[in-house]
């Protein structure tokens, strides 16, 4: 478990170093009217683009909580069937600009940050979000439950496609039960 956890962290760090960017991808606008207090808590990863730092993981969640310095604690957790163990990565996030804009920078190691851009959000109930990184190699569909209605998925896929994402590359994350 420790070996895989280290690999996850090292890979995430390398991606952040290589991308090293807190910008926003072309044709993407971070959501406005964002309320961090409503975004905090646990989110299930419904779908994602494949990356080595999450390779083979199911049951993936991201849990966000406040830090004393005004930032956000980030705990990403997923289950590796291959290792029969849980992997966890802890990080921190801070707003890039105004706290009412869904654009943060996140780090899982030292001073290296990458963008966390919320490009679509259920602003009424904060039940689902479409998130990207510093470029179009990163995409996640997150929800408060392990699955979403088909109509919501279609809406999020359409938003991603209109912004230039190849949604055929999405991996649908396995969750045992709600």
N, C-alpha and C. Protein backbone atom coordinates (compact mmCIF):
# COMPACT_ATOMS: atom_id res chain seq x y z
N UNK A 1 0.83 -1.18 0.00
CA UNK A 1 0.00 0.00 0.00
C UNK A 1 0.88 1.26 0.00
N UNK A 2 1.89 1.28 0.85
CA UNK A 2 2.76 2.46 0.92
C UNK A 2 3.45 2.71 -0.41
N UNK A 3 3.89 1.63 -1.07
CA UNK A 3 4.58 1.78 -2.36
C UNK A 3 3.65 2.44 -3.38
N UNK A 4 2.40 1.97 -3.44
CA UNK A 4 1.44 2.54 -4.39
C UNK A 4 1.12 3.99 -4.02
N UNK A 5 0.98 4.26 -2.74
CA UNK A 5 0.68 5.62 -2.30
C UNK A 5 1.81 6.56 -2.71
N UNK A 6 3.04 6.11 -2.51
CA UNK A 6 4.18 6.93 -2.91
C UNK A 6 4.17 7.16 -4.40
N UNK A 7 3.86 6.14 -5.18
CA UNK A 7 3.80 6.29 -6.63
C UNK A 7 2.74 7.31 -7.01
N UNK A 8 1.58 7.25 -6.36
CA UNK A 8 0.49 8.17 -6.64
C UNK A 8 0.95 9.60 -6.38
N UNK A 9 1.59 9.83 -5.26
CA UNK A 9 2.06 11.17 -4.91
C UNK A 9 3.16 11.64 -5.86
N UNK A 10 4.12 10.77 -6.15
CA UNK A 10 5.21 11.14 -7.04
C UNK A 10 4.67 11.48 -8.43
N UNK A 11 3.76 10.68 -8.92
CA UNK A 11 3.18 10.93 -10.24
C UNK A 11 2.42 12.25 -10.25
N UNK A 12 1.63 12.49 -9.21
CA UNK A 12 0.89 13.75 -9.14
C UNK A 12 1.85 14.94 -9.12
N UNK A 13 2.93 14.81 -8.37
CA UNK A 13 3.92 15.88 -8.31
C UNK A 13 4.54 16.12 -9.68
N UNK A 14 4.91 15.04 -10.37
CA UNK A 14 5.51 15.19 -11.69
C UNK A 14 4.54 15.86 -12.66
N UNK A 15 3.28 15.48 -12.59
CA UNK A 15 2.29 16.11 -13.47
C UNK A 15 2.19 17.60 -13.16
N UNK A 16 2.20 17.94 -11.88
CA UNK A 16 2.10 19.35 -11.52
C UNK A 16 3.35 20.11 -11.93
N UNK A 17 4.51 19.49 -11.80
CA UNK A 17 5.75 20.15 -12.22
C UNK A 17 5.74 20.37 -13.73
N UNK A 18 5.34 19.33 -14.45
CA UNK A 18 5.33 19.44 -15.90
C UNK A 18 4.28 20.42 -16.39
N UNK A 19 3.11 20.38 -15.76
CA UNK A 19 2.09 21.32 -16.20
C UNK A 19 2.31 22.68 -15.53
N UNK A 20 2.71 22.64 -14.26
CA UNK A 20 3.09 23.82 -13.51
C UNK A 20 2.24 25.04 -13.76
N UNK A 21 0.97 24.85 -13.87
CA UNK A 21 0.15 25.93 -14.37
C UNK A 21 -1.09 26.10 -13.51
N UNK A 22 -1.42 27.34 -13.28
CA UNK A 22 -2.66 27.62 -12.57
C UNK A 22 -3.62 28.38 -13.48
N UNK A 23 -3.40 28.26 -14.78
CA UNK A 23 -4.27 28.91 -15.75
C UNK A 23 -5.52 28.10 -16.03
N UNK A 24 -6.29 28.60 -16.98
CA UNK A 24 -7.55 27.98 -17.37
C UNK A 24 -7.43 27.54 -18.83
N UNK A 25 -7.84 26.30 -19.16
CA UNK A 25 -7.76 25.85 -20.56
C UNK A 25 -8.59 26.72 -21.50
N UNK A 26 -8.20 26.74 -22.77
CA UNK A 26 -8.96 27.46 -23.79
C UNK A 26 -10.41 27.00 -23.80
N UNK A 27 -11.32 27.93 -24.05
CA UNK A 27 -12.76 27.68 -24.15
C UNK A 27 -13.40 27.21 -22.85
N UNK A 28 -12.74 27.45 -21.73
CA UNK A 28 -13.28 27.08 -20.42
C UNK A 28 -13.41 28.34 -19.58
N UNK A 29 -14.54 28.47 -18.91
CA UNK A 29 -14.76 29.56 -17.97
C UNK A 29 -15.07 28.96 -16.61
N UNK A 30 -14.33 29.33 -15.57
CA UNK A 30 -14.70 28.86 -14.22
C UNK A 30 -16.07 29.41 -13.84
N UNK A 31 -16.81 28.62 -13.06
CA UNK A 31 -18.12 29.08 -12.62
C UNK A 31 -17.96 30.31 -11.72
N UNK A 32 -18.94 31.16 -11.77
CA UNK A 32 -18.98 32.33 -10.89
C UNK A 32 -20.14 32.13 -9.92
N UNK A 33 -20.18 32.94 -8.90
CA UNK A 33 -21.20 32.76 -7.87
C UNK A 33 -20.93 31.53 -7.03
N UNK A 34 -19.66 31.11 -7.01
CA UNK A 34 -19.24 29.91 -6.28
C UNK A 34 -19.27 30.16 -4.78
N UNK A 35 -19.74 29.15 -4.02
CA UNK A 35 -19.78 29.24 -2.57
C UNK A 35 -19.02 28.05 -1.99
N UNK A 36 -17.81 28.31 -1.52
CA UNK A 36 -16.96 27.25 -1.01
C UNK A 36 -17.62 26.45 0.11
N UNK A 37 -18.30 27.12 1.01
CA UNK A 37 -18.93 26.43 2.14
C UNK A 37 -19.89 25.34 1.68
N UNK A 38 -20.53 25.54 0.54
CA UNK A 38 -21.46 24.54 0.01
C UNK A 38 -20.74 23.44 -0.76
N UNK A 39 -19.51 23.71 -1.20
CA UNK A 39 -18.72 22.75 -1.97
C UNK A 39 -17.96 21.78 -1.06
N UNK A 40 -17.71 22.20 0.17
CA UNK A 40 -16.97 21.35 1.11
C UNK A 40 -17.69 20.04 1.35
N UNK A 41 -16.94 19.03 1.77
CA UNK A 41 -17.50 17.71 2.04
C UNK A 41 -16.96 16.71 1.04
N UNK A 42 -17.64 15.58 0.95
CA UNK A 42 -17.18 14.48 0.10
C UNK A 42 -17.89 14.47 -1.23
N UNK A 43 -17.09 14.26 -2.28
CA UNK A 43 -17.57 14.12 -3.65
C UNK A 43 -17.09 12.78 -4.19
N UNK A 44 -17.95 12.09 -4.92
CA UNK A 44 -17.59 10.85 -5.59
C UNK A 44 -17.11 11.16 -7.00
N UNK A 45 -16.08 10.48 -7.41
CA UNK A 45 -15.60 10.60 -8.78
C UNK A 45 -16.46 9.68 -9.64
N UNK A 46 -17.30 10.25 -10.48
CA UNK A 46 -18.18 9.47 -11.35
C UNK A 46 -17.43 9.04 -12.60
N UNK A 47 -16.65 9.96 -13.17
CA UNK A 47 -15.87 9.68 -14.38
C UNK A 47 -14.62 10.54 -14.36
N UNK A 48 -13.59 10.09 -15.11
CA UNK A 48 -12.33 10.83 -15.17
C UNK A 48 -11.58 10.47 -16.43
N UNK A 49 -10.67 11.35 -16.82
CA UNK A 49 -9.67 10.98 -17.81
C UNK A 49 -8.63 10.13 -17.10
N UNK A 50 -8.09 9.17 -17.80
CA UNK A 50 -7.14 8.24 -17.21
C UNK A 50 -5.78 8.91 -16.97
N UNK A 51 -5.24 8.71 -15.79
CA UNK A 51 -3.90 9.18 -15.44
C UNK A 51 -3.26 8.15 -14.53
N UNK A 52 -1.97 8.04 -14.61
CA UNK A 52 -1.25 7.01 -13.86
C UNK A 52 -1.46 7.16 -12.35
N UNK A 53 -1.67 8.38 -11.86
CA UNK A 53 -1.83 8.53 -10.42
C UNK A 53 -3.17 8.01 -9.92
N UNK A 54 -4.08 7.66 -10.82
CA UNK A 54 -5.35 7.05 -10.43
C UNK A 54 -5.55 5.70 -11.11
N UNK A 55 -4.53 5.18 -11.75
CA UNK A 55 -4.64 3.95 -12.53
C UNK A 55 -5.18 2.81 -11.68
N UNK A 56 -6.25 2.19 -12.14
CA UNK A 56 -6.81 1.02 -11.48
C UNK A 56 -7.60 1.31 -10.22
N UNK A 57 -7.82 2.56 -9.89
CA UNK A 57 -8.54 2.87 -8.66
C UNK A 57 -10.04 2.93 -8.90
N UNK A 58 -10.77 2.35 -7.98
CA UNK A 58 -12.23 2.45 -7.94
C UNK A 58 -12.61 3.10 -6.62
N UNK A 59 -13.89 3.32 -6.42
CA UNK A 59 -14.38 3.89 -5.16
C UNK A 59 -13.71 5.24 -4.86
N UNK A 60 -13.37 6.01 -5.88
CA UNK A 60 -12.60 7.23 -5.68
C UNK A 60 -13.50 8.36 -5.15
N UNK A 61 -12.99 9.01 -4.10
CA UNK A 61 -13.67 10.17 -3.54
C UNK A 61 -12.66 11.29 -3.33
N UNK A 62 -13.19 12.49 -3.25
CA UNK A 62 -12.41 13.67 -2.89
C UNK A 62 -13.17 14.35 -1.75
N UNK A 63 -12.46 14.62 -0.67
CA UNK A 63 -13.09 15.27 0.48
C UNK A 63 -12.39 16.59 0.73
N UNK A 64 -13.18 17.65 0.82
CA UNK A 64 -12.68 19.00 0.99
C UNK A 64 -13.13 19.54 2.34
N UNK A 65 -12.20 20.17 3.06
CA UNK A 65 -12.52 20.81 4.34
C UNK A 65 -11.66 22.06 4.49
N UNK A 66 -12.09 22.95 5.36
CA UNK A 66 -11.38 24.22 5.55
C UNK A 66 -10.08 24.03 6.32
N UNK A 67 -9.11 24.82 5.95
CA UNK A 67 -7.83 24.90 6.67
C UNK A 67 -7.87 26.17 7.54
N UNK A 68 -7.04 26.19 8.54
CA UNK A 68 -6.96 27.37 9.41
C UNK A 68 -6.48 28.61 8.68
N UNK A 69 -5.69 28.42 7.60
CA UNK A 69 -5.15 29.56 6.87
C UNK A 69 -6.08 30.06 5.75
N UNK A 70 -7.31 29.55 5.73
CA UNK A 70 -8.28 29.97 4.72
C UNK A 70 -8.27 29.13 3.47
N UNK A 71 -7.31 28.23 3.36
CA UNK A 71 -7.26 27.31 2.22
C UNK A 71 -8.18 26.12 2.45
N UNK A 72 -8.02 25.14 1.59
CA UNK A 72 -8.87 23.95 1.62
C UNK A 72 -7.99 22.71 1.74
N UNK A 73 -8.31 21.84 2.71
CA UNK A 73 -7.68 20.53 2.77
C UNK A 73 -8.31 19.65 1.71
N UNK A 74 -7.49 18.87 1.03
CA UNK A 74 -7.97 17.96 -0.01
C UNK A 74 -7.50 16.55 0.34
N UNK A 75 -8.43 15.62 0.42
CA UNK A 75 -8.06 14.22 0.62
C UNK A 75 -8.70 13.41 -0.50
N UNK A 76 -7.85 12.88 -1.38
CA UNK A 76 -8.30 12.00 -2.45
C UNK A 76 -8.06 10.57 -2.02
N UNK A 77 -9.06 9.73 -2.20
CA UNK A 77 -8.97 8.36 -1.73
C UNK A 77 -9.56 7.43 -2.78
N UNK A 78 -8.92 6.29 -3.02
CA UNK A 78 -9.42 5.31 -3.97
C UNK A 78 -8.96 3.92 -3.59
N UNK A 79 -9.68 2.92 -4.06
CA UNK A 79 -9.37 1.53 -3.74
C UNK A 79 -8.69 0.85 -4.92
N UNK A 80 -7.57 0.20 -4.63
CA UNK A 80 -6.86 -0.59 -5.64
C UNK A 80 -7.22 -2.05 -5.46
N UNK A 81 -7.96 -2.61 -6.40
CA UNK A 81 -8.28 -4.03 -6.34
C UNK A 81 -7.02 -4.88 -6.48
N UNK A 82 -6.10 -4.41 -7.32
CA UNK A 82 -4.87 -5.14 -7.56
C UNK A 82 -4.07 -5.32 -6.26
N UNK A 83 -3.99 -4.26 -5.46
CA UNK A 83 -3.26 -4.33 -4.20
C UNK A 83 -4.16 -4.66 -3.00
N UNK A 84 -5.47 -4.69 -3.25
CA UNK A 84 -6.46 -4.91 -2.20
C UNK A 84 -6.23 -3.92 -1.04
N UNK A 85 -6.06 -2.64 -1.42
CA UNK A 85 -5.79 -1.63 -0.40
C UNK A 85 -6.29 -0.27 -0.86
N UNK A 86 -6.43 0.60 0.10
CA UNK A 86 -6.84 1.97 -0.15
C UNK A 86 -5.61 2.84 -0.36
N UNK A 87 -5.69 3.74 -1.32
CA UNK A 87 -4.65 4.75 -1.56
C UNK A 87 -5.24 6.09 -1.17
N UNK A 88 -4.40 6.92 -0.60
CA UNK A 88 -4.85 8.24 -0.20
C UNK A 88 -3.77 9.27 -0.49
N UNK A 89 -4.20 10.41 -0.99
CA UNK A 89 -3.28 11.53 -1.22
C UNK A 89 -3.88 12.75 -0.54
N UNK A 90 -3.05 13.47 0.22
CA UNK A 90 -3.50 14.66 0.91
C UNK A 90 -2.86 15.89 0.29
N UNK A 91 -3.67 16.90 0.07
CA UNK A 91 -3.16 18.12 -0.53
C UNK A 91 -3.82 19.33 0.08
N UNK A 92 -3.58 20.46 -0.59
CA UNK A 92 -4.17 21.71 -0.14
C UNK A 92 -4.49 22.55 -1.38
N UNK A 93 -5.49 23.39 -1.23
CA UNK A 93 -5.92 24.22 -2.35
C UNK A 93 -6.19 25.64 -1.86
N UNK A 94 -6.00 26.59 -2.78
CA UNK A 94 -6.25 28.00 -2.50
C UNK A 94 -6.87 28.63 -3.75
N UNK A 95 -7.66 29.66 -3.55
CA UNK A 95 -8.25 30.35 -4.69
C UNK A 95 -7.16 31.06 -5.47
N UNK A 96 -7.31 31.03 -6.81
CA UNK A 96 -6.39 31.76 -7.68
C UNK A 96 -6.78 33.23 -7.72
N UNK A 97 -8.05 33.50 -7.70
CA UNK A 97 -8.56 34.88 -7.72
C UNK A 97 -9.61 35.06 -6.65
N UNK A 98 -10.75 35.56 -7.05
CA UNK A 98 -11.85 35.82 -6.12
C UNK A 98 -12.44 34.50 -5.61
N UNK A 99 -12.81 34.44 -4.32
CA UNK A 99 -13.41 33.22 -3.77
C UNK A 99 -14.80 32.91 -4.35
N UNK A 100 -15.37 33.83 -5.09
CA UNK A 100 -16.67 33.56 -5.71
C UNK A 100 -16.51 32.97 -7.11
N UNK A 101 -15.27 32.69 -7.51
CA UNK A 101 -14.98 32.07 -8.80
C UNK A 101 -14.39 30.69 -8.54
N UNK A 102 -14.93 29.67 -9.21
CA UNK A 102 -14.51 28.29 -9.02
C UNK A 102 -13.19 27.96 -9.69
N UNK A 103 -12.16 28.68 -9.32
CA UNK A 103 -10.82 28.45 -9.87
C UNK A 103 -9.83 28.45 -8.71
N UNK A 104 -9.33 27.25 -8.41
CA UNK A 104 -8.38 27.09 -7.32
C UNK A 104 -7.08 26.53 -7.86
N UNK A 105 -6.06 26.60 -7.04
CA UNK A 105 -4.80 25.91 -7.34
C UNK A 105 -4.64 24.87 -6.25
N UNK A 106 -4.21 23.67 -6.64
CA UNK A 106 -4.10 22.56 -5.70
C UNK A 106 -2.68 22.00 -5.75
N UNK A 107 -2.21 21.59 -4.59
CA UNK A 107 -0.88 21.00 -4.49
C UNK A 107 -0.94 19.76 -3.60
N UNK A 108 -0.26 18.71 -4.06
CA UNK A 108 -0.12 17.51 -3.25
C UNK A 108 1.33 17.35 -2.79
N UNK A 109 2.16 18.33 -3.14
CA UNK A 109 3.56 18.26 -2.72
C UNK A 109 4.20 19.63 -2.82
N UNK A 110 4.69 20.11 -1.71
CA UNK A 110 5.48 21.32 -1.69
C UNK A 110 4.86 22.51 -2.39
N UNK A 111 5.70 23.26 -3.09
CA UNK A 111 5.25 24.51 -3.71
C UNK A 111 4.67 24.32 -5.12
N UNK A 112 4.44 23.09 -5.54
CA UNK A 112 3.99 22.84 -6.91
C UNK A 112 2.47 22.79 -6.96
N UNK A 113 1.88 23.70 -7.74
CA UNK A 113 0.43 23.82 -7.84
C UNK A 113 -0.03 23.62 -9.28
N UNK A 114 -1.25 23.15 -9.40
CA UNK A 114 -1.91 23.06 -10.70
C UNK A 114 -3.36 23.51 -10.54
N UNK A 115 -3.93 23.92 -11.63
CA UNK A 115 -5.31 24.42 -11.62
C UNK A 115 -6.32 23.35 -11.27
N UNK A 116 -7.33 23.79 -10.58
CA UNK A 116 -8.55 23.03 -10.30
C UNK A 116 -9.66 23.98 -10.69
N UNK A 117 -10.22 23.74 -11.89
CA UNK A 117 -11.19 24.67 -12.46
C UNK A 117 -12.56 24.00 -12.52
N UNK A 118 -13.50 24.57 -11.79
CA UNK A 118 -14.88 24.06 -11.82
C UNK A 118 -15.56 24.74 -12.99
N UNK A 119 -15.80 23.96 -14.06
CA UNK A 119 -16.35 24.56 -15.28
C UNK A 119 -17.87 24.41 -15.38
N UNK A 120 -18.45 23.55 -14.56
CA UNK A 120 -19.90 23.42 -14.50
C UNK A 120 -20.25 22.94 -13.09
N UNK A 121 -21.34 23.47 -12.55
CA UNK A 121 -21.71 23.17 -11.18
C UNK A 121 -23.22 23.28 -11.01
N UNK A 122 -23.78 22.36 -10.27
CA UNK A 122 -25.17 22.45 -9.85
C UNK A 122 -25.24 23.52 -8.76
N UNK A 123 -25.45 24.75 -9.17
CA UNK A 123 -25.41 25.86 -8.21
C UNK A 123 -26.60 25.85 -7.25
N UNK A 124 -27.69 25.20 -7.65
CA UNK A 124 -28.87 25.16 -6.78
C UNK A 124 -28.61 24.27 -5.56
N UNK A 125 -28.12 23.05 -5.80
CA UNK A 125 -27.98 22.08 -4.72
C UNK A 125 -26.56 21.57 -4.48
N UNK A 126 -25.62 21.98 -5.33
CA UNK A 126 -24.23 21.52 -5.21
C UNK A 126 -24.15 19.99 -5.16
N UNK A 127 -24.81 19.36 -6.15
CA UNK A 127 -24.85 17.90 -6.21
C UNK A 127 -23.95 17.31 -7.28
N UNK A 128 -23.48 18.11 -8.24
CA UNK A 128 -22.57 17.62 -9.27
C UNK A 128 -21.69 18.76 -9.77
N UNK A 129 -20.53 18.36 -10.29
CA UNK A 129 -19.58 19.35 -10.82
C UNK A 129 -18.78 18.73 -11.95
N UNK A 130 -18.37 19.56 -12.88
CA UNK A 130 -17.46 19.18 -13.96
C UNK A 130 -16.19 19.98 -13.72
N UNK A 131 -15.08 19.27 -13.55
CA UNK A 131 -13.82 19.90 -13.15
C UNK A 131 -12.72 19.56 -14.14
N UNK A 132 -11.88 20.53 -14.42
CA UNK A 132 -10.73 20.32 -15.29
C UNK A 132 -9.47 20.80 -14.57
N UNK A 133 -8.35 20.49 -15.16
CA UNK A 133 -7.07 20.94 -14.63
C UNK A 133 -6.52 22.08 -15.46
N UNK A 134 -5.20 22.19 -15.54
CA UNK A 134 -4.58 23.30 -16.25
C UNK A 134 -4.69 23.20 -17.77
N UNK A 135 -5.04 22.02 -18.27
CA UNK A 135 -5.20 21.84 -19.71
C UNK A 135 -6.26 20.76 -19.97
N UNK A 136 -6.46 20.44 -21.20
CA UNK A 136 -7.55 19.53 -21.57
C UNK A 136 -7.19 18.05 -21.44
N UNK A 137 -6.08 17.76 -20.76
CA UNK A 137 -5.73 16.38 -20.45
C UNK A 137 -6.37 15.93 -19.15
N UNK A 138 -7.06 16.82 -18.48
CA UNK A 138 -7.66 16.53 -17.18
C UNK A 138 -9.15 16.83 -17.23
N UNK A 139 -9.96 15.88 -16.76
CA UNK A 139 -11.40 16.10 -16.69
C UNK A 139 -11.99 15.13 -15.68
N UNK A 140 -12.84 15.65 -14.82
CA UNK A 140 -13.54 14.81 -13.84
C UNK A 140 -15.00 15.20 -13.79
N UNK A 141 -15.86 14.20 -13.63
CA UNK A 141 -17.25 14.42 -13.27
C UNK A 141 -17.37 13.98 -11.81
N UNK A 142 -17.78 14.91 -10.96
CA UNK A 142 -17.91 14.64 -9.53
C UNK A 142 -19.37 14.78 -9.12
N UNK A 143 -19.75 14.02 -8.09
CA UNK A 143 -21.13 14.10 -7.59
C UNK A 143 -21.14 13.77 -6.10
N UNK A 144 -22.19 14.15 -5.46
CA UNK A 144 -22.36 13.85 -4.04
C UNK A 144 -22.77 12.40 -3.80
N UNK A 145 -23.16 11.74 -4.87
CA UNK A 145 -23.53 10.32 -4.83
C UNK A 145 -22.68 9.60 -5.89
N UNK A 146 -22.54 8.28 -5.79
CA UNK A 146 -21.68 7.56 -6.73
C UNK A 146 -22.16 7.56 -8.19
N UNK A 147 -23.40 7.95 -8.42
CA UNK A 147 -23.90 7.98 -9.80
C UNK A 147 -24.80 9.20 -9.97
N UNK A 148 -25.07 9.50 -11.24
CA UNK A 148 -25.92 10.64 -11.59
C UNK A 148 -26.99 10.19 -12.58
N UNK A 149 -28.10 10.91 -12.63
CA UNK A 149 -29.10 10.61 -13.66
C UNK A 149 -28.50 10.78 -15.06
N UNK A 150 -28.97 9.98 -15.99
CA UNK A 150 -28.47 10.03 -17.37
C UNK A 150 -28.60 11.42 -17.97
N UNK A 151 -29.68 12.11 -17.66
CA UNK A 151 -29.87 13.47 -18.21
C UNK A 151 -28.78 14.43 -17.72
N UNK A 152 -28.37 14.29 -16.48
CA UNK A 152 -27.30 15.14 -15.94
C UNK A 152 -25.97 14.79 -16.60
N UNK A 153 -25.72 13.51 -16.77
CA UNK A 153 -24.48 13.08 -17.43
C UNK A 153 -24.43 13.63 -18.85
N UNK A 154 -25.52 13.53 -19.58
CA UNK A 154 -25.56 14.05 -20.95
C UNK A 154 -25.28 15.55 -20.97
N UNK A 155 -25.84 16.28 -20.02
CA UNK A 155 -25.62 17.72 -19.94
C UNK A 155 -24.14 18.03 -19.69
N UNK A 156 -23.52 17.31 -18.76
CA UNK A 156 -22.11 17.54 -18.44
C UNK A 156 -21.21 17.15 -19.61
N UNK A 157 -21.53 16.05 -20.27
CA UNK A 157 -20.75 15.63 -21.44
C UNK A 157 -20.85 16.67 -22.55
N UNK A 158 -22.04 17.21 -22.76
CA UNK A 158 -22.23 18.24 -23.77
C UNK A 158 -21.40 19.48 -23.45
N UNK A 159 -21.40 19.89 -22.19
CA UNK A 159 -20.60 21.05 -21.78
C UNK A 159 -19.12 20.80 -22.06
N UNK A 160 -18.64 19.61 -21.70
CA UNK A 160 -17.23 19.28 -21.92
C UNK A 160 -16.90 19.25 -23.41
N UNK A 161 -17.77 18.64 -24.21
CA UNK A 161 -17.54 18.55 -25.65
C UNK A 161 -17.51 19.94 -26.28
N UNK A 162 -18.42 20.81 -25.88
CA UNK A 162 -18.45 22.17 -26.43
C UNK A 162 -17.18 22.95 -26.09
N UNK A 163 -16.54 22.58 -24.97
CA UNK A 163 -15.29 23.24 -24.58
C UNK A 163 -14.07 22.59 -25.24
N UNK A 164 -14.30 21.51 -26.01
CA UNK A 164 -13.21 20.88 -26.75
C UNK A 164 -12.62 19.63 -26.12
N UNK A 165 -13.30 19.03 -25.15
CA UNK A 165 -12.81 17.81 -24.51
C UNK A 165 -13.29 16.57 -25.28
N UNK A 166 -12.42 15.58 -25.39
CA UNK A 166 -12.76 14.31 -26.01
C UNK A 166 -13.36 13.40 -24.94
N UNK A 167 -14.67 13.46 -24.77
CA UNK A 167 -15.33 12.74 -23.69
C UNK A 167 -15.33 11.22 -23.91
N UNK A 168 -14.95 10.76 -25.10
CA UNK A 168 -14.81 9.32 -25.31
C UNK A 168 -13.67 8.75 -24.47
N UNK A 169 -12.78 9.61 -24.00
CA UNK A 169 -11.64 9.17 -23.19
C UNK A 169 -12.00 8.99 -21.71
N UNK A 170 -13.21 9.34 -21.33
CA UNK A 170 -13.60 9.23 -19.92
C UNK A 170 -13.65 7.77 -19.47
N UNK A 171 -13.19 7.54 -18.28
CA UNK A 171 -13.29 6.25 -17.59
C UNK A 171 -14.40 6.42 -16.55
N UNK A 172 -15.35 5.50 -16.54
CA UNK A 172 -16.46 5.56 -15.59
C UNK A 172 -16.05 4.78 -14.34
N UNK A 173 -16.01 5.48 -13.22
CA UNK A 173 -15.47 4.93 -11.99
C UNK A 173 -16.46 3.98 -11.33
N UNK A 174 -15.94 2.84 -10.94
CA UNK A 174 -16.74 1.82 -10.28
C UNK A 174 -16.89 2.18 -8.79
N UNK A 175 -18.13 2.13 -8.33
CA UNK A 175 -18.45 2.28 -6.92
C UNK A 175 -19.34 1.11 -6.53
N UNK A 176 -19.08 0.51 -5.37
CA UNK A 176 -19.83 -0.69 -4.98
C UNK A 176 -21.32 -0.40 -4.76
N UNK A 177 -21.63 0.50 -3.85
CA UNK A 177 -23.02 0.86 -3.59
C UNK A 177 -23.08 2.29 -3.11
N UNK A 178 -24.30 2.82 -3.14
CA UNK A 178 -24.49 4.17 -2.61
C UNK A 178 -24.58 4.06 -1.13
